[in-house]
Amino acid sequence: MPIRARWALAGAAGCVMLIVATWFAAFHIPIFHKADLSTYLGFVGLHHHGAVDVVAGRLVWLCNPRTYVLWAPVAVVLPFLRGRPRVAIGAGAILLGANVTTELLKRVAAPPEPSGLLGGWLPVPATSWPSGHTTAAMAVVLCLMLASPGRLRPFVAALGAAFAVAIGYSVVATGMHFPSDVFAGYLVATTWALVVVAALSAAERRWPTGATVDRVSIRAALAPQAAVIAAAVVLAGLMVLSHPHDVFAYSEAHKQLVAVAAAIATLGVSLSTATMLSLRAGPASTARGT
């Protein structure tokens, strides 16, 4: 088995362990469960602001099942058009496998007791873990990255991570999911993506296509991620400058929200970047016939 396939499988195994750890912490460790709930309520409080309400609602709409099935297949069609049937099949496996896995986990990994009503006023589905919307968002991002030419892949990874993080924030702000649901959704999609990367690498070793490989340096691969992070910092700074009192007051009242929001962004960007780096110079991911 190629060394790249081994590393991808090791990464997938690590994601599985993190999924189990996230589930156990969210449902069986009181301090994490309380933090999850507190952060959830803080995000929901943001939803009552007009701009947040509109943006979050539209982002969630993009990953609703009826909308998602209209645009997500582009990630499968694109590699077929580029003459890369193996990648097209792999993208289809990621989209189907990740979303089906999340739906199965919702049924077998439900919390030990129904969530019911939070504080008597806010209903939360008892089977909301993991988040289907964030699984769907991260899955299609990783598929598009897999289907992209090597030189464009870092940009797709950076912009895709921003999209997946925005979806994660939106499903919590609209009251659909807890932050732990978002973490698990990212991890489920990445697990499937890394398994597919390993399979493509093994297939290329066994049945080589002989096509050339697009090689991208580490510096070129990470530059778009750094640019997206810098843009996010600038945007946050502008928000603080425009409403300093409101921002600081809300942050002081919801300190855990700030920490968890940063954790969601960090996980989304890290998983996207790690998957992109696993494809950086891999014959199975960059050869035309794969």
C-alpha atoms as a PDB file:
ATOM      1  CA  MET A   1       0.000   0.000   0.000  1.00  0.00           C
ATOM      2  CA  PRO A   2       1.415   3.455  -0.904  1.00  0.00           C
ATOM      3  CA  ILE A   3       2.665   5.546   1.996  1.00  0.00           C
ATOM      4  CA  ARG A   4       0.151   8.266   1.094  1.00  0.00           C
ATOM      5  CA  ALA A   5      -2.692   5.793   1.379  1.00  0.00           C
ATOM      6  CA  ARG A   6      -1.418   4.698   4.782  1.00  0.00           C
ATOM      7  CA  TRP A   7      -1.299   8.288   6.029  1.00  0.00           C
ATOM      8  CA  ALA A   8      -4.805   8.941   4.688  1.00  0.00           C
ATOM      9  CA  LEU A   9      -6.157   5.866   6.448  1.00  0.00           C
ATOM     10  CA  ALA A  10      -4.385   6.911   9.648  1.00  0.00           C
ATOM     11  CA  GLY A  11      -6.054  10.319   9.347  1.00  0.00           C
ATOM     12  CA  ALA A  12      -9.434   8.666   8.805  1.00  0.00           C
ATOM     13  CA  ALA A  13      -8.892   6.517  11.911  1.00  0.00           C
ATOM     14  CA  GLY A  14      -8.026   9.666  13.871  1.00  0.00           C
ATOM     15  CA  CYS A  15     -11.253  11.311  12.692  1.00  0.00           C
ATOM     16  CA  VAL A  16     -13.255   8.273  13.835  1.00  0.00           C
ATOM     17  CA  MET A  17     -11.669   8.504  17.283  1.00  0.00           C
ATOM     18  CA  LEU A  18     -12.522  12.208  17.440  1.00  0.00           C
ATOM     19  CA  ILE A  19     -16.120  11.456  16.453  1.00  0.00           C
ATOM     20  CA  VAL A  20     -16.413   8.982  19.340  1.00  0.00           C
ATOM     21  CA  ALA A  21     -14.743  11.445  21.720  1.00  0.00           C
ATOM     22  CA  THR A  22     -17.106  14.247  20.626  1.00  0.00           C
ATOM     23  CA  TRP A  23     -20.161  12.058  21.171  1.00  0.00           C
ATOM     24  CA  PHE A  24     -18.986  10.884  24.588  1.00  0.00           C
ATOM     25  CA  ALA A  25     -18.082  14.390  25.748  1.00  0.00           C
ATOM     26  CA  ALA A  26     -21.336  15.953  24.515  1.00  0.00           C
ATOM     27  CA  PHE A  27     -23.655  13.341  26.018  1.00  0.00           C
ATOM     28  CA  HIS A  28     -21.814  11.824  28.985  1.00  0.00           C
ATOM     29  CA  ILE A  29     -19.533  14.511  30.473  1.00  0.00           C
ATOM     30  CA  PRO A  30     -21.632  17.172  32.251  1.00  0.00           C
ATOM     31  CA  ILE A  31     -19.141  20.033  31.896  1.00  0.00           C
ATOM     32  CA  PHE A  32     -18.967  19.600  28.124  1.00  0.00           C
ATOM     33  CA  HIS A  33     -22.727  19.148  27.843  1.00  0.00           C
ATOM     34  CA  LYS A  34     -23.297  22.408  29.741  1.00  0.00           C
ATOM     35  CA  ALA A  35     -20.752  24.223  27.576  1.00  0.00           C
ATOM     36  CA  ASP A  36     -22.469  22.867  24.470  1.00  0.00           C
ATOM     37  CA  LEU A  37     -25.835  24.128  25.704  1.00  0.00           C
ATOM     38  CA  SER A  38     -24.469  27.505  26.812  1.00  0.00           C
ATOM     39  CA  THR A  39     -22.795  28.106  23.469  1.00  0.00           C
ATOM     40  CA  TYR A  40     -25.919  26.996  21.631  1.00  0.00           C
ATOM     41  CA  LEU A  41     -28.012  29.567  23.486  1.00  0.00           C
ATOM     42  CA  GLY A  42     -25.433  32.262  22.764  1.00  0.00           C
ATOM     43  CA  PHE A  43     -25.548  31.534  19.029  1.00  0.00           C
ATOM     44  CA  VAL A  44     -29.351  31.460  19.035  1.00  0.00           C
ATOM     45  CA  GLY A  45     -29.295  34.905  20.636  1.00  0.00           C
ATOM     46  CA  LEU A  46     -27.410  36.192  17.593  1.00  0.00           C
ATOM     47  CA  HIS A  47     -30.134  34.835  15.325  1.00  0.00           C
ATOM     48  CA  HIS A  48     -32.510  37.542  16.507  1.00  0.00           C
ATOM     49  CA  HIS A  49     -30.341  40.210  14.853  1.00  0.00           C
ATOM     50  CA  GLY A  50     -31.735  41.016  11.408  1.00  0.00           C
ATOM     51  CA  ALA A  51     -28.589  40.571   9.310  1.00  0.00           C
ATOM     52  CA  VAL A  52     -27.599  37.325  11.046  1.00  0.00           C
ATOM     53  CA  ASP A  53     -31.123  35.997  10.615  1.00  0.00           C
ATOM     54  CA  VAL A  54     -31.150  36.616   6.864  1.00  0.00           C
ATOM     55  CA  VAL A  55     -27.624  35.346   6.127  1.00  0.00           C
ATOM     56  CA  ALA A  56     -27.894  32.262   8.336  1.00  0.00           C
ATOM     57  CA  GLY A  57     -31.265  31.337   6.879  1.00  0.00           C
ATOM     58  CA  ARG A  58     -30.035  31.539   3.302  1.00  0.00           C
ATOM     59  CA  LEU A  59     -26.907  29.519   4.049  1.00  0.00           C
ATOM     60  CA  VAL A  60     -28.919  26.789   5.741  1.00  0.00           C
ATOM     61  CA  TRP A  61     -31.255  26.740   2.735  1.00  0.00           C
ATOM     62  CA  LEU A  62     -28.319  25.864   0.471  1.00  0.00           C
ATOM     63  CA  CYS A  63     -27.761  22.619   2.374  1.00  0.00           C
ATOM     64  CA  ASN A  64     -31.394  21.644   2.823  1.00  0.00           C
ATOM     65  CA  PRO A  65     -31.918  18.257   1.138  1.00  0.00           C
ATOM     66  CA  ARG A  66     -34.188  19.538  -1.647  1.00  0.00           C
ATOM     67  CA  THR A  67     -31.720  22.297  -2.548  1.00  0.00           C
ATOM     68  CA  TYR A  68     -28.555  20.285  -1.969  1.00  0.00           C
ATOM     69  CA  VAL A  69     -29.461  17.573  -4.485  1.00  0.00           C
ATOM     70  CA  LEU A  70     -29.704  20.230  -7.200  1.00  0.00           C
ATOM     71  CA  TRP A  71     -26.155  21.591  -6.913  1.00  0.00           C
ATOM     72  CA  ALA A  72     -24.031  19.058  -4.987  1.00  0.00           C
ATOM     73  CA  PRO A  73     -23.823  16.579  -7.945  1.00  0.00           C
ATOM     74  CA  VAL A  74     -21.614  19.155  -9.688  1.00  0.00           C
ATOM     75  CA  ALA A  75     -18.786  17.709  -7.570  1.00  0.00           C
ATOM     76  CA  VAL A  76     -19.334  14.358  -9.322  1.00  0.00           C
ATOM     77  CA  VAL A  77     -20.005  15.684 -12.827  1.00  0.00           C
ATOM     78  CA  LEU A  78     -16.925  17.933 -12.864  1.00  0.00           C
ATOM     79  CA  PRO A  79     -14.288  15.168 -12.699  1.00  0.00           C
ATOM     80  CA  PHE A  80     -16.194  13.163 -15.324  1.00  0.00           C
ATOM     81  CA  LEU A  81     -15.999  16.165 -17.663  1.00  0.00           C
ATOM     82  CA  ARG A  82     -12.269  16.390 -16.944  1.00  0.00           C
ATOM     83  CA  GLY A  83     -11.803  12.759 -17.899  1.00  0.00           C
ATOM     84  CA  ARG A  84     -11.207  11.504 -14.352  1.00  0.00           C
ATOM     85  CA  PRO A  85     -13.723   8.704 -13.779  1.00  0.00           C
ATOM     86  CA  ARG A  86     -12.012   7.358 -10.661  1.00  0.00           C
ATOM     87  CA  VAL A  87     -12.247  10.727  -8.949  1.00  0.00           C
ATOM     88  CA  ALA A  88     -15.885  11.053 -10.017  1.00  0.00           C
ATOM     89  CA  ILE A  89     -16.676   7.687  -8.446  1.00  0.00           C
ATOM     90  CA  GLY A  90     -14.729   8.686  -5.327  1.00  0.00           C
ATOM     91  CA  ALA A  91     -16.635  11.976  -5.063  1.00  0.00           C
ATOM     92  CA  GLY A  92     -19.906  10.098  -5.349  1.00  0.00           C
ATOM     93  CA  ALA A  93     -18.777   7.746  -2.587  1.00  0.00           C
ATOM     94  CA  ILE A  94     -17.941  10.699  -0.319  1.00  0.00           C
ATOM     95  CA  LEU A  95     -21.265  12.452  -0.906  1.00  0.00           C
ATOM     96  CA  LEU A  96     -23.345   9.333  -0.439  1.00  0.00           C
ATOM     97  CA  GLY A  97     -21.269   7.703   2.297  1.00  0.00           C
ATOM     98  CA  ALA A  98     -20.886  10.792   4.484  1.00  0.00           C
ATOM     99  CA  ASN A  99     -24.540  11.806   4.349  1.00  0.00           C
ATOM    100  CA  VAL A 100     -25.857   8.280   4.878  1.00  0.00           C
ATOM    101  CA  THR A 101     -23.435   7.762   7.788  1.00  0.00           C
ATOM    102  CA  THR A 102     -24.665  10.930   9.466  1.00  0.00           C
ATOM    103  CA  GLU A 103     -28.298   9.887   9.083  1.00  0.00           C
ATOM    104  CA  LEU A 104     -27.519   6.483  10.586  1.00  0.00           C
ATOM    105  CA  LEU A 105     -25.616   8.045  13.478  1.00  0.00           C
ATOM    106  CA  LYS A 106     -28.611  10.268  14.237  1.00  0.00           C
ATOM    107  CA  ARG A 107     -30.585   7.110  14.935  1.00  0.00           C
ATOM    108  CA  VAL A 108     -28.027   4.996  16.781  1.00  0.00           C
ATOM    109  CA  ALA A 109     -26.120   7.675  18.707  1.00  0.00           C
ATOM    110  CA  ALA A 110     -29.004   9.713  20.111  1.00  0.00           C
ATOM    111  CA  PRO A 111     -28.555  11.157  23.618  1.00  0.00           C
ATOM    112  CA  PRO A 112     -29.572   8.856  26.475  1.00  0.00           C
ATOM    113  CA  GLU A 113     -32.547  11.080  27.268  1.00  0.00           C
ATOM    114  CA  PRO A 114     -34.597  13.334  24.966  1.00  0.00           C
ATOM    115  CA  SER A 115     -33.471  16.931  24.988  1.00  0.00           C
ATOM    116  CA  GLY A 116     -37.019  18.201  25.170  1.00  0.00           C
ATOM    117  CA  LEU A 117     -37.393  21.918  25.713  1.00  0.00           C
ATOM    118  CA  LEU A 118     -34.459  24.070  26.753  1.00  0.00           C
ATOM    119  CA  GLY A 119     -35.669  26.351  29.495  1.00  0.00           C
ATOM    120  CA  GLY A 120     -39.235  25.522  28.501  1.00  0.00           C
ATOM    121  CA  TRP A 121     -39.174  27.621  25.339  1.00  0.00           C
ATOM    122  CA  LEU A 122     -36.761  26.249  22.757  1.00  0.00           C
ATOM    123  CA  PRO A 123     -37.230  22.771  21.225  1.00  0.00           C
ATOM    124  CA  VAL A 124     -34.117  20.821  20.243  1.00  0.00           C
ATOM    125  CA  PRO A 125     -34.402  17.543  18.313  1.00  0.00           C
ATOM    126  CA  ALA A 126     -33.153  14.612  20.350  1.00  0.00           C
ATOM    127  CA  THR A 127     -31.543  13.116  17.241  1.00  0.00           C
ATOM    128  CA  SER A 128     -29.618  16.158  15.994  1.00  0.00           C
ATOM    129  CA  TRP A 129     -26.127  14.613  16.297  1.00  0.00           C
ATOM    130  CA  PRO A 130     -24.281  14.861  13.934  1.00  0.00           C
ATOM    131  CA  SER A 131     -25.422  17.823  11.862  1.00  0.00           C
ATOM    132  CA  GLY A 132     -26.605  16.753   8.434  1.00  0.00           C
ATOM    133  CA  HIS A 133     -26.158  20.258   7.042  1.00  0.00           C
ATOM    134  CA  THR A 134     -22.514  20.547   8.080  1.00  0.00           C
ATOM    135  CA  THR A 135     -21.808  17.005   6.920  1.00  0.00           C
ATOM    136  CA  ALA A 136     -23.289  17.892   3.541  1.00  0.00           C
ATOM    137  CA  ALA A 137     -21.363  21.166   3.317  1.00  0.00           C
ATOM    138  CA  MET A 138     -17.983  19.674   4.222  1.00  0.00           C
ATOM    139  CA  ALA A 139     -18.556  16.630   1.995  1.00  0.00           C
ATOM    140  CA  VAL A 140     -19.217  18.698  -1.125  1.00  0.00           C
ATOM    141  CA  VAL A 141     -16.282  21.005  -0.325  1.00  0.00           C
ATOM    142  CA  LEU A 142     -13.892  18.063  -0.077  1.00  0.00           C
ATOM    143  CA  CYS A 143     -15.318  16.541  -3.275  1.00  0.00           C
ATOM    144  CA  LEU A 144     -14.824  19.776  -5.205  1.00  0.00           C
ATOM    145  CA  MET A 145     -11.294  19.996  -3.854  1.00  0.00           C
ATOM    146  CA  LEU A 146     -10.615  16.426  -4.956  1.00  0.00           C
ATOM    147  CA  ALA A 147     -11.953  17.201  -8.439  1.00  0.00           C
ATOM    148  CA  SER A 148      -9.986  20.438  -8.877  1.00  0.00           C
ATOM    149  CA  PRO A 149      -6.652  20.755 -10.703  1.00  0.00           C
ATOM    150  CA  GLY A 150      -3.681  20.721  -8.336  1.00  0.00           C
ATOM    151  CA  ARG A 151      -2.883  24.407  -8.826  1.00  0.00           C
ATOM    152  CA  LEU A 152      -6.444  25.431  -7.926  1.00  0.00           C
ATOM    153  CA  ARG A 153      -6.931  22.992  -5.069  1.00  0.00           C
ATOM    154  CA  PRO A 154      -5.526  25.280  -2.301  1.00  0.00           C
ATOM    155  CA  PHE A 155      -7.989  28.019  -3.272  1.00  0.00           C
ATOM    156  CA  VAL A 156     -10.911  25.589  -3.346  1.00  0.00           C
ATOM    157  CA  ALA A 157      -9.845  24.265   0.064  1.00  0.00           C
ATOM    158  CA  ALA A 158      -9.634  27.753   1.578  1.00  0.00           C
ATOM    159  CA  LEU A 159     -12.916  29.066   0.186  1.00  0.00           C
ATOM    160  CA  GLY A 160     -14.629  25.755   0.844  1.00  0.00           C
ATOM    161  CA  ALA A 161     -13.531  25.772   4.461  1.00  0.00           C
ATOM    162  CA  ALA A 162     -14.965  29.278   4.851  1.00  0.00           C
ATOM    163  CA  PHE A 163     -18.257  28.020   3.405  1.00  0.00           C
ATOM    164  CA  ALA A 164     -18.342  24.969   5.695  1.00  0.00           C
ATOM    165  CA  VAL A 165     -17.603  27.117   8.751  1.00  0.00           C
ATOM    166  CA  ALA A 166     -20.350  29.564   7.757  1.00  0.00           C
ATOM    167  CA  ILE A 167     -22.802  26.660   7.476  1.00  0.00           C
ATOM    168  CA  GLY A 168     -21.688  25.424  10.894  1.00  0.00           C
ATOM    169  CA  TYR A 169     -22.325  28.795  12.480  1.00  0.00           C
ATOM    170  CA  SER A 170     -25.671  29.129  10.711  1.00  0.00           C
ATOM    171  CA  VAL A 171     -27.168  25.821  11.830  1.00  0.00           C
ATOM    172  CA  VAL A 172     -26.371  26.666  15.448  1.00  0.00           C
ATOM    173  CA  ALA A 173     -27.586  30.266  15.171  1.00  0.00           C
ATOM    174  CA  THR A 174     -30.894  29.123  13.665  1.00  0.00           C
ATOM    175  CA  GLY A 175     -31.438  26.712  16.558  1.00  0.00           C
ATOM    176  CA  MET A 176     -31.082  23.536  14.496  1.00  0.00           C
ATOM    177  CA  HIS A 177     -27.980  22.041  16.109  1.00  0.00           C
ATOM    178  CA  PHE A 178     -25.567  22.140  19.016  1.00  0.00           C
ATOM    179  CA  PRO A 179     -21.900  22.977  18.342  1.00  0.00           C
ATOM    180  CA  SER A 180     -20.972  19.334  19.022  1.00  0.00           C
ATOM    181  CA  ASP A 181     -23.273  18.359  16.131  1.00  0.00           C
ATOM    182  CA  VAL A 182     -21.231  20.618  13.858  1.00  0.00           C
ATOM    183  CA  PHE A 183     -17.905  19.139  14.997  1.00  0.00           C
ATOM    184  CA  ALA A 184     -19.172  15.620  14.308  1.00  0.00           C
ATOM    185  CA  GLY A 185     -20.525  16.580  10.887  1.00  0.00           C
ATOM    186  CA  TYR A 186     -17.137  17.914   9.790  1.00  0.00           C
ATOM    187  CA  LEU A 187     -15.402  14.778  11.037  1.00  0.00           C
ATOM    188  CA  VAL A 188     -17.787  12.344   9.343  1.00  0.00           C
ATOM    189  CA  ALA A 189     -17.279  14.013   5.954  1.00  0.00           C
ATOM    190  CA  THR A 190     -13.497  14.145   6.381  1.00  0.00           C
ATOM    191  CA  THR A 191     -13.349  10.480   7.375  1.00  0.00           C
ATOM    192  CA  TRP A 192     -14.988   9.487   4.117  1.00  0.00           C
ATOM    193  CA  ALA A 193     -12.808  11.863   2.092  1.00  0.00           C
ATOM    194  CA  LEU A 194      -9.594  10.422   3.539  1.00  0.00           C
ATOM    195  CA  VAL A 195     -10.757   6.844   2.951  1.00  0.00           C
ATOM    196  CA  VAL A 196     -11.438   7.744  -0.686  1.00  0.00           C
ATOM    197  CA  VAL A 197      -8.026   9.427  -0.997  1.00  0.00           C
ATOM    198  CA  ALA A 198      -6.431   6.206   0.260  1.00  0.00           C
ATOM    199  CA  ALA A 199      -8.474   4.128  -2.194  1.00  0.00           C
ATOM    200  CA  LEU A 200      -7.526   6.366  -5.136  1.00  0.00           C
ATOM    201  CA  SER A 201      -3.879   6.239  -4.183  1.00  0.00           C
ATOM    202  CA  ALA A 202      -3.963   2.439  -3.950  1.00  0.00           C
ATOM    203  CA  ALA A 203      -5.791   2.216  -7.293  1.00  0.00           C
ATOM    204  CA  GLU A 204      -3.192   4.397  -8.977  1.00  0.00           C
ATOM    205  CA  ARG A 205      -0.406   2.218  -7.621  1.00  0.00           C
ATOM    206  CA  ARG A 206      -2.153  -0.947  -8.807  1.00  0.00           C
ATOM    207  CA  TRP A 207      -3.407   0.403 -12.155  1.00  0.00           C
ATOM    208  CA  PRO A 208      -1.268   3.449 -13.015  1.00  0.00           C
ATOM    209  CA  THR A 209      -2.571   5.884 -15.595  1.00  0.00           C
ATOM    210  CA  GLY A 210       0.852   7.254 -16.461  1.00  0.00           C
ATOM    211  CA  ALA A 211      -0.391  10.847 -16.503  1.00  0.00           C
ATOM    212  CA  THR A 212       1.653  13.755 -15.192  1.00  0.00           C
ATOM    213  CA  VAL A 213       1.273  15.045 -11.646  1.00  0.00           C
ATOM    214  CA  ASP A 214       0.527  18.632 -10.635  1.00  0.00           C
ATOM    215  CA  ARG A 215       2.885  19.417  -7.783  1.00  0.00           C
ATOM    216  CA  VAL A 216       2.181  22.334  -5.466  1.00  0.00           C
ATOM    217  CA  SER A 217       4.644  23.575  -2.861  1.00  0.00           C
ATOM    218  CA  ILE A 218       3.693  23.735   0.799  1.00  0.00           C
ATOM    219  CA  ARG A 219       3.958  27.513   0.665  1.00  0.00           C
ATOM    220  CA  ALA A 220       1.625  27.771  -2.321  1.00  0.00           C
ATOM    221  CA  ALA A 221      -0.752  25.261  -0.729  1.00  0.00           C
ATOM    222  CA  LEU A 222      -1.091  27.165   2.534  1.00  0.00           C
ATOM    223  CA  ALA A 223      -1.116  30.747   1.218  1.00  0.00           C
ATOM    224  CA  PRO A 224      -4.876  30.809   0.394  1.00  0.00           C
ATOM    225  CA  GLN A 225      -5.718  29.464   3.858  1.00  0.00           C
ATOM    226  CA  ALA A 226      -3.669  32.245   5.422  1.00  0.00           C
ATOM    227  CA  ALA A 227      -5.437  34.805   3.230  1.00  0.00           C
ATOM    228  CA  VAL A 228      -8.883  33.545   4.261  1.00  0.00           C
ATOM    229  CA  ILE A 229      -7.917  33.631   7.945  1.00  0.00           C
ATOM    230  CA  ALA A 230      -6.564  37.182   7.545  1.00  0.00           C
ATOM    231  CA  ALA A 231      -9.793  38.249   5.824  1.00  0.00           C
ATOM    232  CA  ALA A 232     -11.835  36.769   8.678  1.00  0.00           C
ATOM    233  CA  VAL A 233      -9.743  38.670  11.224  1.00  0.00           C
ATOM    234  CA  VAL A 234     -10.216  41.914   9.298  1.00  0.00           C
ATOM    235  CA  LEU A 235     -13.971  41.328   9.049  1.00  0.00           C
ATOM    236  CA  ALA A 236     -14.182  40.648  12.781  1.00  0.00           C
ATOM    237  CA  GLY A 237     -12.204  43.818  13.447  1.00  0.00           C
ATOM    238  CA  LEU A 238     -14.583  45.872  11.321  1.00  0.00           C
ATOM    239  CA  MET A 239     -17.545  44.448  13.233  1.00  0.00           C
ATOM    240  CA  VAL A 240     -15.928  45.427  16.522  1.00  0.00           C
ATOM    241  CA  LEU A 241     -15.164  48.931  15.289  1.00  0.00           C
ATOM    242  CA  SER A 242     -18.694  49.447  13.973  1.00  0.00           C
ATOM    243  CA  HIS A 243     -20.464  48.268  17.167  1.00  0.00           C
ATOM    244  CA  PRO A 244     -17.815  48.091  19.904  1.00  0.00           C
ATOM    245  CA  HIS A 245     -20.183  48.285  22.866  1.00  0.00           C
ATOM    246  CA  ASP A 246     -22.581  45.622  21.575  1.00  0.00           C
ATOM    247  CA  VAL A 247     -19.801  43.243  20.526  1.00  0.00           C
ATOM    248  CA  PHE A 248     -17.870  43.477  23.777  1.00  0.00           C
ATOM    249  CA  ALA A 249     -21.003  43.253  25.903  1.00  0.00           C
ATOM    250  CA  TYR A 250     -22.227  40.141  24.092  1.00  0.00           C
ATOM    251  CA  SER A 251     -18.780  38.552  24.165  1.00  0.00           C
ATOM    252  CA  GLU A 252     -18.468  39.196  27.886  1.00  0.00           C
ATOM    253  CA  ALA A 253     -21.854  37.608  28.518  1.00  0.00           C
ATOM    254  CA  HIS A 254     -21.083  34.623  26.268  1.00  0.00           C
ATOM    255  CA  LYS A 255     -17.376  33.904  26.695  1.00  0.00           C
ATOM    256  CA  GLN A 256     -17.807  30.267  25.767  1.00  0.00           C
ATOM    257  CA  LEU A 257     -19.388  31.271  22.468  1.00  0.00           C
ATOM    258  CA  VAL A 258     -16.194  33.047  21.414  1.00  0.00           C
ATOM    259  CA  ALA A 259     -14.054  30.030  22.284  1.00  0.00           C
ATOM    260  CA  VAL A 260     -16.348  27.503  20.601  1.00  0.00           C
ATOM    261  CA  ALA A 261     -16.803  29.699  17.516  1.00  0.00           C
ATOM    262  CA  ALA A 262     -13.014  29.792  17.199  1.00  0.00           C
ATOM    263  CA  ALA A 263     -12.888  26.009  17.660  1.00  0.00           C
ATOM    264  CA  ILE A 264     -15.466  25.461  14.888  1.00  0.00           C
ATOM    265  CA  ALA A 265     -13.468  27.661  12.522  1.00  0.00           C
ATOM    266  CA  THR A 266     -10.191  26.000  13.477  1.00  0.00           C
ATOM    267  CA  LEU A 267     -11.561  22.493  12.954  1.00  0.00           C
ATOM    268  CA  GLY A 268     -13.189  23.347   9.624  1.00  0.00           C
ATOM    269  CA  VAL A 269     -10.055  24.970   8.215  1.00  0.00           C
ATOM    270  CA  SER A 270      -7.741  22.298   9.661  1.00  0.00           C
ATOM    271  CA  LEU A 271      -9.692  19.371   8.209  1.00  0.00           C
ATOM    272  CA  SER A 272      -9.984  20.987   4.796  1.00  0.00           C
ATOM    273  CA  THR A 273      -6.286  21.884   4.773  1.00  0.00           C
ATOM    274  CA  ALA A 274      -5.186  18.451   5.956  1.00  0.00           C
ATOM    275  CA  THR A 275      -7.218  16.730   3.255  1.00  0.00           C
ATOM    276  CA  MET A 276      -5.851  19.116   0.643  1.00  0.00           C
ATOM    277  CA  LEU A 277      -2.274  18.408   1.747  1.00  0.00           C
ATOM    278  CA  SER A 278      -2.930  14.669   1.495  1.00  0.00           C
ATOM    279  CA  LEU A 279      -3.633  15.317  -2.205  1.00  0.00           C
ATOM    280  CA  ARG A 280      -0.814  17.809  -2.755  1.00  0.00           C
ATOM    281  CA  ALA A 281       1.420  15.579  -4.826  1.00  0.00           C
ATOM    282  CA  GLY A 282      -0.461  12.329  -4.908  1.00  0.00           C
ATOM    283  CA  PRO A 283      -0.614  10.459  -8.199  1.00  0.00           C
ATOM    284  CA  ALA A 284      -4.094   9.160  -7.439  1.00  0.00           C
ATOM    285  CA  SER A 285      -5.500  12.628  -6.968  1.00  0.00           C
ATOM    286  CA  THR A 286      -3.771  14.600  -9.680  1.00  0.00           C
ATOM    287  CA  ALA A 287      -3.416  12.251 -12.594  1.00  0.00           C
ATOM    288  CA  ARG A 288      -5.934  12.888 -15.370  1.00  0.00           C
ATOM    289  CA  GLY A 289      -7.172   9.361 -15.487  1.00  0.00           C
ATOM    290  CA  THR A 290      -7.868   8.993 -11.787  1.00  0.00           C
END
